[in-house]
Amino acid sequence: MPQEPVASIASIYRYPVKGLTPEPLPQVVLSVGQSLPADRRYAIENGPSGFDPAAPQYFPKTMFLMLMRNERLAALRTHYDDASHTLTIRENGAETARGDLDSAEGRAAIEQFFAANFAEELRGPPKLLFADGHSFSDVAKKVVSIINLASVAALEQVIGQAVHPLRFRGNLYVSDWPAWHEFDLMDQTISIGETRLKVVKRIVRCAATNVDPDTAARDLTIPHTLMRTYGHADLGVYAEVITGGTIAAGDSITVEEPGLV
């Protein structure tokens, strides 16, 4: 049996507000059946969606402001502070909005910013949505997204130019797997220290990946390129946390033999 390649976590990211700036984490505590803490904790409703915070349910990303259609979001630089629940928005280095997302006044301040600056892209008044324990993920299950950096590098070779890994808005970026190895791990369990995750689904990429996260330019055709080259539009996988624990950048990743409990 071929030896499983030794891999490690290159970086960890969360996305406190769907569609807004990624935030790097040196380490994170994962819990069984949960996404990363505060990952996609908030979303900005683009017109009435029917979302009920008392009974939160999955809604497709088209109900929110998001990069697939609203690439100008990538030009914003945002930061969420867990202790104060404060979201800060900057443009061109200058602070343009700030609000405590745990208060009606703070949410109103953020909503007013988007109402004023994204008016032509809105289908109704923007509303900052939140429900305790809910994640506004692109899929209904609470998952962790994993991006294989070698797969990104293989795509770069096809395109003939650099492809920023953050175009794929993953949680865990992995070094030292062969290109596309993540697809070989479907239904298998990976271990990071005492933490274990089961790979459950390939990630189908959408037009959000065409947007450069630094410049906000829609300058590539990644889903089309993937489909034309490989016969699918997939890059990365989703995994469910089945044993919780703390993971950190630099930690080794091993793949458990099938059948282990």
C-alpha atoms as a PDB file:
ATOM      1  CA  MET A   1       0.000   0.000   0.000  1.00  0.00           C
ATOM      2  CA  PRO A   2       1.467   3.417  -0.954  1.00  0.00           C
ATOM      3  CA  GLN A   3       2.453   5.569   2.007  1.00  0.00           C
ATOM      4  CA  GLU A   4       0.101   8.449   2.745  1.00  0.00           C
ATOM      5  CA  PRO A   5       1.848  11.784   2.083  1.00  0.00           C
ATOM      6  CA  VAL A   6       2.725  13.779   5.195  1.00  0.00           C
ATOM      7  CA  ALA A   7       0.858  17.075   5.177  1.00  0.00           C
ATOM      8  CA  SER A   8       0.344  20.022   7.482  1.00  0.00           C
ATOM      9  CA  ILE A   9      -1.916  23.006   8.050  1.00  0.00           C
ATOM     10  CA  ALA A  10      -0.365  25.996   6.300  1.00  0.00           C
ATOM     11  CA  SER A  11      -2.942  28.491   7.571  1.00  0.00           C
ATOM     12  CA  ILE A  12      -6.360  28.816   9.191  1.00  0.00           C
ATOM     13  CA  TYR A  13      -9.030  31.387   8.317  1.00  0.00           C
ATOM     14  CA  ARG A  14     -12.490  32.343   9.461  1.00  0.00           C
ATOM     15  CA  TYR A  15     -15.040  34.652   7.818  1.00  0.00           C
ATOM     16  CA  PRO A  16     -17.102  36.338  10.552  1.00  0.00           C
ATOM     17  CA  VAL A  17     -19.401  38.096   8.055  1.00  0.00           C
ATOM     18  CA  LYS A  18     -20.348  36.213   4.905  1.00  0.00           C
ATOM     19  CA  GLY A  19     -18.712  37.818   1.879  1.00  0.00           C
ATOM     20  CA  LEU A  20     -16.376  40.056   3.866  1.00  0.00           C
ATOM     21  CA  THR A  21     -12.693  39.880   4.806  1.00  0.00           C
ATOM     22  CA  PRO A  22     -10.995  36.596   5.793  1.00  0.00           C
ATOM     23  CA  GLU A  23      -9.346  36.651   9.207  1.00  0.00           C
ATOM     24  CA  PRO A  24      -6.258  34.477   9.895  1.00  0.00           C
ATOM     25  CA  LEU A  25      -6.115  32.463  13.099  1.00  0.00           C
ATOM     26  CA  PRO A  26      -2.948  31.003  14.634  1.00  0.00           C
ATOM     27  CA  GLN A  27      -5.043  28.258  16.227  1.00  0.00           C
ATOM     28  CA  VAL A  28      -8.674  27.356  16.775  1.00  0.00           C
ATOM     29  CA  VAL A  29     -10.789  25.033  18.906  1.00  0.00           C
ATOM     30  CA  LEU A  30     -13.054  22.785  16.850  1.00  0.00           C
ATOM     31  CA  SER A  31     -16.206  21.257  18.327  1.00  0.00           C
ATOM     32  CA  VAL A  32     -18.081  18.170  17.190  1.00  0.00           C
ATOM     33  CA  GLY A  33     -20.590  18.918  14.455  1.00  0.00           C
ATOM     34  CA  GLN A  34     -19.720  22.622  14.320  1.00  0.00           C
ATOM     35  CA  SER A  35     -18.037  25.022  11.938  1.00  0.00           C
ATOM     36  CA  LEU A  36     -15.092  27.169  13.054  1.00  0.00           C
ATOM     37  CA  PRO A  37     -16.165  29.473  15.895  1.00  0.00           C
ATOM     38  CA  ALA A  38     -17.722  32.667  14.467  1.00  0.00           C
ATOM     39  CA  ASP A  39     -17.291  31.451  10.884  1.00  0.00           C
ATOM     40  CA  ARG A  40     -20.063  32.991   8.750  1.00  0.00           C
ATOM     41  CA  ARG A  41     -21.652  34.062  12.048  1.00  0.00           C
ATOM     42  CA  TYR A  42     -23.317  37.013  10.305  1.00  0.00           C
ATOM     43  CA  ALA A  43     -24.705  37.706   6.834  1.00  0.00           C
ATOM     44  CA  ILE A  44     -26.057  40.813   5.121  1.00  0.00           C
ATOM     45  CA  GLU A  45     -29.532  40.156   3.795  1.00  0.00           C
ATOM     46  CA  ASN A  46     -30.060  41.487   0.263  1.00  0.00           C
ATOM     47  CA  GLY A  47     -33.810  42.011   0.238  1.00  0.00           C
ATOM     48  CA  PRO A  48     -36.348  40.089   2.362  1.00  0.00           C
ATOM     49  CA  SER A  49     -35.329  36.435   2.745  1.00  0.00           C
ATOM     50  CA  GLY A  50     -37.742  35.177   5.393  1.00  0.00           C
ATOM     51  CA  PHE A  51     -34.866  34.266   7.722  1.00  0.00           C
ATOM     52  CA  ASP A  52     -36.157  33.725  11.265  1.00  0.00           C
ATOM     53  CA  PRO A  53     -33.468  34.016  13.976  1.00  0.00           C
ATOM     54  CA  ALA A  54     -35.714  32.117  16.383  1.00  0.00           C
ATOM     55  CA  ALA A  55     -35.746  29.133  14.001  1.00  0.00           C
ATOM     56  CA  PRO A  56     -32.684  29.575  11.758  1.00  0.00           C
ATOM     57  CA  GLN A  57     -32.529  27.573   8.560  1.00  0.00           C
ATOM     58  CA  TYR A  58     -30.204  27.298   5.600  1.00  0.00           C
ATOM     59  CA  PHE A  59     -30.730  29.847   2.848  1.00  0.00           C
ATOM     60  CA  PRO A  60     -28.854  29.964  -0.481  1.00  0.00           C
ATOM     61  CA  LYS A  61     -26.126  32.570  -0.757  1.00  0.00           C
ATOM     62  CA  THR A  62     -28.115  34.463  -3.391  1.00  0.00           C
ATOM     63  CA  MET A  63     -30.218  35.860  -0.519  1.00  0.00           C
ATOM     64  CA  PHE A  64     -27.219  37.770   0.833  1.00  0.00           C
ATOM     65  CA  LEU A  65     -24.574  40.200  -0.325  1.00  0.00           C
ATOM     66  CA  MET A  66     -21.763  37.938  -1.543  1.00  0.00           C
ATOM     67  CA  LEU A  67     -18.770  37.900  -3.845  1.00  0.00           C
ATOM     68  CA  MET A  68     -20.390  35.843  -6.596  1.00  0.00           C
ATOM     69  CA  ARG A  69     -22.473  38.900  -7.544  1.00  0.00           C
ATOM     70  CA  ASN A  70     -21.097  41.742  -5.416  1.00  0.00           C
ATOM     71  CA  GLU A  71     -17.355  41.736  -6.090  1.00  0.00           C
ATOM     72  CA  ARG A  72     -16.941  45.237  -4.625  1.00  0.00           C
ATOM     73  CA  LEU A  73     -17.135  43.588  -1.205  1.00  0.00           C
ATOM     74  CA  ALA A  74     -13.559  42.405  -1.749  1.00  0.00           C
ATOM     75  CA  ALA A  75     -12.348  46.026  -1.772  1.00  0.00           C
ATOM     76  CA  LEU A  76     -13.473  46.449   1.849  1.00  0.00           C
ATOM     77  CA  ARG A  77     -11.172  45.550   4.732  1.00  0.00           C
ATOM     78  CA  THR A  78     -13.181  44.407   7.719  1.00  0.00           C
ATOM     79  CA  HIS A  79     -12.332  43.119  11.169  1.00  0.00           C
ATOM     80  CA  TYR A  80     -14.555  41.510  13.790  1.00  0.00           C
ATOM     81  CA  ASP A  81     -13.611  41.694  17.472  1.00  0.00           C
ATOM     82  CA  ASP A  82     -15.049  38.776  19.443  1.00  0.00           C
ATOM     83  CA  ALA A  83     -14.912  40.440  22.851  1.00  0.00           C
ATOM     84  CA  SER A  84     -16.822  43.589  21.866  1.00  0.00           C
ATOM     85  CA  HIS A  85     -18.802  42.091  18.939  1.00  0.00           C
ATOM     86  CA  THR A  86     -17.585  45.094  16.943  1.00  0.00           C
ATOM     87  CA  LEU A  87     -17.252  45.050  13.169  1.00  0.00           C
ATOM     88  CA  THR A  88     -14.969  47.688  11.657  1.00  0.00           C
ATOM     89  CA  ILE A  89     -15.060  48.499   7.938  1.00  0.00           C
ATOM     90  CA  ARG A  90     -12.213  50.298   6.162  1.00  0.00           C
ATOM     91  CA  GLU A  91     -11.875  51.526   2.591  1.00  0.00           C
ATOM     92  CA  ASN A  92      -8.547  52.675   1.158  1.00  0.00           C
ATOM     93  CA  GLY A  93      -7.071  52.569   4.653  1.00  0.00           C
ATOM     94  CA  ALA A  94      -9.704  54.827   6.227  1.00  0.00           C
ATOM     95  CA  GLU A  95     -12.373  53.661   8.660  1.00  0.00           C
ATOM     96  CA  THR A  96     -15.823  54.150   7.106  1.00  0.00           C
ATOM     97  CA  ALA A  97     -18.117  52.281   9.514  1.00  0.00           C
ATOM     98  CA  ARG A  98     -18.077  50.641  12.933  1.00  0.00           C
ATOM     99  CA  GLY A  99     -20.772  48.921  14.919  1.00  0.00           C
ATOM    100  CA  ASP A 100     -21.391  46.573  17.841  1.00  0.00           C
ATOM    101  CA  LEU A 101     -23.240  43.736  16.127  1.00  0.00           C
ATOM    102  CA  ASP A 102     -24.736  42.732  19.474  1.00  0.00           C
ATOM    103  CA  SER A 103     -26.700  45.989  19.634  1.00  0.00           C
ATOM    104  CA  ALA A 104     -29.486  47.412  17.483  1.00  0.00           C
ATOM    105  CA  GLU A 105     -27.581  50.679  17.100  1.00  0.00           C
ATOM    106  CA  GLY A 106     -24.407  48.941  15.984  1.00  0.00           C
ATOM    107  CA  ARG A 107     -26.197  46.772  13.452  1.00  0.00           C
ATOM    108  CA  ALA A 108     -27.987  49.872  12.134  1.00  0.00           C
ATOM    109  CA  ALA A 109     -24.643  51.605  11.591  1.00  0.00           C
ATOM    110  CA  ILE A 110     -23.385  48.720   9.463  1.00  0.00           C
ATOM    111  CA  GLU A 111     -26.678  48.453   7.587  1.00  0.00           C
ATOM    112  CA  GLN A 112     -26.573  52.184   6.807  1.00  0.00           C
ATOM    113  CA  PHE A 113     -23.099  51.789   5.327  1.00  0.00           C
ATOM    114  CA  PHE A 114     -24.272  49.088   2.904  1.00  0.00           C
ATOM    115  CA  ALA A 115     -27.487  50.936   2.097  1.00  0.00           C
ATOM    116  CA  ALA A 116     -25.458  53.987   1.084  1.00  0.00           C
ATOM    117  CA  ASN A 117     -22.608  52.236  -0.715  1.00  0.00           C
ATOM    118  CA  PHE A 118     -24.306  49.263  -2.403  1.00  0.00           C
ATOM    119  CA  ALA A 119     -27.646  50.851  -3.316  1.00  0.00           C
ATOM    120  CA  GLU A 120     -27.567  49.752  -6.953  1.00  0.00           C
ATOM    121  CA  GLU A 121     -26.951  46.125  -5.949  1.00  0.00           C
ATOM    122  CA  LEU A 122     -29.660  45.871  -3.302  1.00  0.00           C
ATOM    123  CA  ARG A 123     -33.102  44.312  -3.726  1.00  0.00           C
ATOM    124  CA  GLY A 124     -34.346  45.903  -0.517  1.00  0.00           C
ATOM    125  CA  PRO A 125     -33.005  47.396   2.713  1.00  0.00           C
ATOM    126  CA  PRO A 126     -29.881  45.521   3.826  1.00  0.00           C
ATOM    127  CA  LYS A 127     -30.248  43.762   7.161  1.00  0.00           C
ATOM    128  CA  LEU A 128     -27.502  42.233   9.257  1.00  0.00           C
ATOM    129  CA  LEU A 129     -28.653  38.704  10.162  1.00  0.00           C
ATOM    130  CA  PHE A 130     -27.590  36.575  13.110  1.00  0.00           C
ATOM    131  CA  ALA A 131     -28.910  33.605  15.058  1.00  0.00           C
ATOM    132  CA  ASP A 132     -27.143  32.047  18.023  1.00  0.00           C
ATOM    133  CA  GLY A 133     -25.216  28.964  16.897  1.00  0.00           C
ATOM    134  CA  HIS A 134     -26.077  29.420  13.218  1.00  0.00           C
ATOM    135  CA  SER A 135     -23.543  29.593  10.376  1.00  0.00           C
ATOM    136  CA  PHE A 136     -24.458  31.190   7.044  1.00  0.00           C
ATOM    137  CA  SER A 137     -22.500  28.586   5.136  1.00  0.00           C
ATOM    138  CA  ASP A 138     -22.938  27.748   1.457  1.00  0.00           C
ATOM    139  CA  VAL A 139     -24.137  24.289   2.545  1.00  0.00           C
ATOM    140  CA  ALA A 140     -26.782  23.236   5.046  1.00  0.00           C
ATOM    141  CA  LYS A 141     -24.466  21.191   7.289  1.00  0.00           C
ATOM    142  CA  LYS A 142     -21.953  22.773   9.635  1.00  0.00           C
ATOM    143  CA  VAL A 143     -18.633  21.957   8.031  1.00  0.00           C
ATOM    144  CA  VAL A 144     -14.988  22.982   7.778  1.00  0.00           C
ATOM    145  CA  SER A 145     -13.691  23.768   4.291  1.00  0.00           C
ATOM    146  CA  ILE A 146     -10.256  22.455   3.310  1.00  0.00           C
ATOM    147  CA  ILE A 147      -8.161  23.760   0.418  1.00  0.00           C
ATOM    148  CA  ASN A 148      -5.181  21.836  -0.942  1.00  0.00           C
ATOM    149  CA  LEU A 149      -2.520  24.383  -1.907  1.00  0.00           C
ATOM    150  CA  ALA A 150      -1.037  21.968  -4.460  1.00  0.00           C
ATOM    151  CA  SER A 151      -4.369  21.918  -6.284  1.00  0.00           C
ATOM    152  CA  VAL A 152      -4.298  25.714  -6.406  1.00  0.00           C
ATOM    153  CA  ALA A 153      -0.742  25.512  -7.792  1.00  0.00           C
ATOM    154  CA  ALA A 154      -1.878  23.026 -10.461  1.00  0.00           C
ATOM    155  CA  LEU A 155      -4.632  25.428 -11.475  1.00  0.00           C
ATOM    156  CA  GLU A 156      -2.049  28.219 -11.686  1.00  0.00           C
ATOM    157  CA  GLN A 157      -0.107  26.142 -14.209  1.00  0.00           C
ATOM    158  CA  VAL A 158      -3.224  25.738 -16.341  1.00  0.00           C
ATOM    159  CA  ILE A 159      -4.118  29.434 -16.183  1.00  0.00           C
ATOM    160  CA  GLY A 160      -0.555  30.654 -16.579  1.00  0.00           C
ATOM    161  CA  GLN A 161      -0.658  33.185 -13.756  1.00  0.00           C
ATOM    162  CA  ALA A 162      -0.806  33.371  -9.979  1.00  0.00           C
ATOM    163  CA  VAL A 163      -4.073  32.383  -8.291  1.00  0.00           C
ATOM    164  CA  HIS A 164      -4.505  33.781  -4.771  1.00  0.00           C
ATOM    165  CA  PRO A 165      -5.534  30.865  -2.491  1.00  0.00           C
ATOM    166  CA  LEU A 166      -7.958  33.150  -0.630  1.00  0.00           C
ATOM    167  CA  ARG A 167     -10.136  33.242  -3.757  1.00  0.00           C
ATOM    168  CA  PHE A 168     -11.443  29.913  -2.419  1.00  0.00           C
ATOM    169  CA  ARG A 169     -12.319  31.275   1.046  1.00  0.00           C
ATOM    170  CA  GLY A 170     -11.308  28.087   2.834  1.00  0.00           C
ATOM    171  CA  ASN A 171     -10.916  27.470   6.550  1.00  0.00           C
ATOM    172  CA  LEU A 172      -7.903  25.148   6.479  1.00  0.00           C
ATOM    173  CA  TYR A 173      -5.180  25.473   3.831  1.00  0.00           C
ATOM    174  CA  VAL A 174      -3.072  22.324   3.513  1.00  0.00           C
ATOM    175  CA  SER A 175       0.554  21.978   2.390  1.00  0.00           C
ATOM    176  CA  ASP A 176       2.321  18.873   1.043  1.00  0.00           C
ATOM    177  CA  TRP A 177      -0.591  16.882  -0.333  1.00  0.00           C
ATOM    178  CA  PRO A 178      -0.235  16.082  -4.042  1.00  0.00           C
ATOM    179  CA  ALA A 179      -2.495  18.088  -6.327  1.00  0.00           C
ATOM    180  CA  TRP A 180      -6.132  16.933  -6.125  1.00  0.00           C
ATOM    181  CA  HIS A 181      -5.326  14.431  -3.357  1.00  0.00           C
ATOM    182  CA  GLU A 182      -8.215  15.859  -1.329  1.00  0.00           C
ATOM    183  CA  PHE A 183     -10.654  14.165  -3.715  1.00  0.00           C
ATOM    184  CA  ASP A 184      -9.127  10.762  -2.876  1.00  0.00           C
ATOM    185  CA  LEU A 185     -10.106  11.285   0.768  1.00  0.00           C
ATOM    186  CA  MET A 186     -13.878  11.276   0.309  1.00  0.00           C
ATOM    187  CA  ASP A 187     -15.596   9.547   3.253  1.00  0.00           C
ATOM    188  CA  GLN A 188     -12.241   9.123   4.996  1.00  0.00           C
ATOM    189  CA  THR A 189     -11.177  10.555   8.344  1.00  0.00           C
ATOM    190  CA  ILE A 190      -8.223  12.854   8.839  1.00  0.00           C
ATOM    191  CA  SER A 191      -6.527  13.477  12.185  1.00  0.00           C
ATOM    192  CA  ILE A 192      -4.878  16.674  13.364  1.00  0.00           C
ATOM    193  CA  GLY A 193      -3.504  15.819  16.772  1.00  0.00           C
ATOM    194  CA  GLU A 194      -6.486  14.515  18.748  1.00  0.00           C
ATOM    195  CA  THR A 195      -8.959  16.303  16.451  1.00  0.00           C
ATOM    196  CA  ARG A 196     -10.646  14.226  13.753  1.00  0.00           C
ATOM    197  CA  LEU A 197     -12.637  15.326  10.708  1.00  0.00           C
ATOM    198  CA  LYS A 198     -14.506  13.245   8.144  1.00  0.00           C
ATOM    199  CA  VAL A 199     -14.306  14.420   4.538  1.00  0.00           C
ATOM    200  CA  VAL A 200     -17.885  14.492   3.250  1.00  0.00           C
ATOM    201  CA  LYS A 201     -18.202  16.571   0.086  1.00  0.00           C
ATOM    202  CA  ARG A 202     -16.264  18.131  -2.772  1.00  0.00           C
ATOM    203  CA  ILE A 203     -16.660  21.902  -3.097  1.00  0.00           C
ATOM    204  CA  VAL A 204     -18.165  23.075  -6.376  1.00  0.00           C
ATOM    205  CA  ARG A 205     -16.717  26.474  -7.139  1.00  0.00           C
ATOM    206  CA  CYS A 206     -18.847  29.446  -8.169  1.00  0.00           C
ATOM    207  CA  ALA A 207     -18.094  32.797  -9.793  1.00  0.00           C
ATOM    208  CA  ALA A 208     -16.932  34.228  -6.436  1.00  0.00           C
ATOM    209  CA  THR A 209     -13.539  32.617  -7.168  1.00  0.00           C
ATOM    210  CA  ASN A 210     -13.199  34.831 -10.255  1.00  0.00           C
ATOM    211  CA  VAL A 211     -12.759  37.862  -7.951  1.00  0.00           C
ATOM    212  CA  ASP A 212      -9.249  38.816  -6.854  1.00  0.00           C
ATOM    213  CA  PRO A 213      -9.373  39.212  -3.029  1.00  0.00           C
ATOM    214  CA  ASP A 214      -6.785  41.999  -3.102  1.00  0.00           C
ATOM    215  CA  THR A 215      -7.990  44.157  -6.002  1.00  0.00           C
ATOM    216  CA  ALA A 216     -11.711  43.193  -6.157  1.00  0.00           C
ATOM    217  CA  ALA A 217     -11.258  42.766  -9.933  1.00  0.00           C
ATOM    218  CA  ARG A 218     -13.285  40.019 -11.614  1.00  0.00           C
ATOM    219  CA  ASP A 219     -10.293  38.909 -13.642  1.00  0.00           C
ATOM    220  CA  LEU A 220     -10.408  35.104 -13.992  1.00  0.00           C
ATOM    221  CA  THR A 221     -12.887  32.415 -15.064  1.00  0.00           C
ATOM    222  CA  ILE A 222     -12.030  29.708 -12.556  1.00  0.00           C
ATOM    223  CA  PRO A 223     -15.188  27.517 -12.657  1.00  0.00           C
ATOM    224  CA  HIS A 224     -15.096  27.557 -16.470  1.00  0.00           C
ATOM    225  CA  THR A 225     -11.373  26.763 -16.493  1.00  0.00           C
ATOM    226  CA  LEU A 226     -11.809  23.877 -14.054  1.00  0.00           C
ATOM    227  CA  MET A 227     -14.660  22.433 -16.116  1.00  0.00           C
ATOM    228  CA  ARG A 228     -12.813  22.820 -19.418  1.00  0.00           C
ATOM    229  CA  THR A 229      -9.592  21.297 -18.049  1.00  0.00           C
ATOM    230  CA  TYR A 230     -10.754  18.653 -15.586  1.00  0.00           C
ATOM    231  CA  GLY A 231     -14.411  18.016 -16.450  1.00  0.00           C
ATOM    232  CA  HIS A 232     -15.620  19.385 -13.112  1.00  0.00           C
ATOM    233  CA  ALA A 233     -15.721  22.733 -11.293  1.00  0.00           C
ATOM    234  CA  ASP A 234     -14.491  21.384  -7.931  1.00  0.00           C
ATOM    235  CA  LEU A 235     -11.592  22.546  -5.767  1.00  0.00           C
ATOM    236  CA  GLY A 236     -11.396  21.740  -2.063  1.00  0.00           C
ATOM    237  CA  VAL A 237     -13.534  19.591   0.209  1.00  0.00           C
ATOM    238  CA  TYR A 238     -15.873  19.968   3.148  1.00  0.00           C
ATOM    239  CA  ALA A 239     -15.298  17.974   6.329  1.00  0.00           C
ATOM    240  CA  GLU A 240     -17.355  17.406   9.473  1.00  0.00           C
ATOM    241  CA  VAL A 241     -15.732  17.544  12.913  1.00  0.00           C
ATOM    242  CA  ILE A 242     -16.241  14.156  14.585  1.00  0.00           C
ATOM    243  CA  THR A 243     -13.749  14.579  17.464  1.00  0.00           C
ATOM    244  CA  GLY A 244     -13.135  18.059  18.792  1.00  0.00           C
ATOM    245  CA  GLY A 245      -9.910  19.683  19.889  1.00  0.00           C
ATOM    246  CA  THR A 246      -7.428  22.469  19.281  1.00  0.00           C
ATOM    247  CA  ILE A 247      -5.598  22.730  15.964  1.00  0.00           C
ATOM    248  CA  ALA A 248      -2.924  25.206  14.924  1.00  0.00           C
ATOM    249  CA  ALA A 249      -1.043  26.329  11.847  1.00  0.00           C
ATOM    250  CA  GLY A 250       1.891  23.957  11.362  1.00  0.00           C
ATOM    251  CA  ASP A 251       0.113  20.913  12.780  1.00  0.00           C
ATOM    252  CA  SER A 252       0.577  17.642  10.897  1.00  0.00           C
ATOM    253  CA  ILE A 253      -2.357  15.965   9.161  1.00  0.00           C
ATOM    254  CA  THR A 254      -2.677  12.195   8.917  1.00  0.00           C
ATOM    255  CA  VAL A 255      -5.288  10.075   7.178  1.00  0.00           C
ATOM    256  CA  GLU A 256      -6.733   7.229   9.197  1.00  0.00           C
ATOM    257  CA  GLU A 257      -6.922   3.790   7.679  1.00  0.00           C
ATOM    258  CA  PRO A 258     -10.465   2.920   6.527  1.00  0.00           C
ATOM    259  CA  GLY A 259     -12.442   1.065   9.163  1.00  0.00           C
ATOM    260  CA  LEU A 260     -10.868   2.733  12.191  1.00  0.00           C
ATOM    261  CA  VAL A 261     -13.380   4.015  14.731  1.00  0.00           C
END
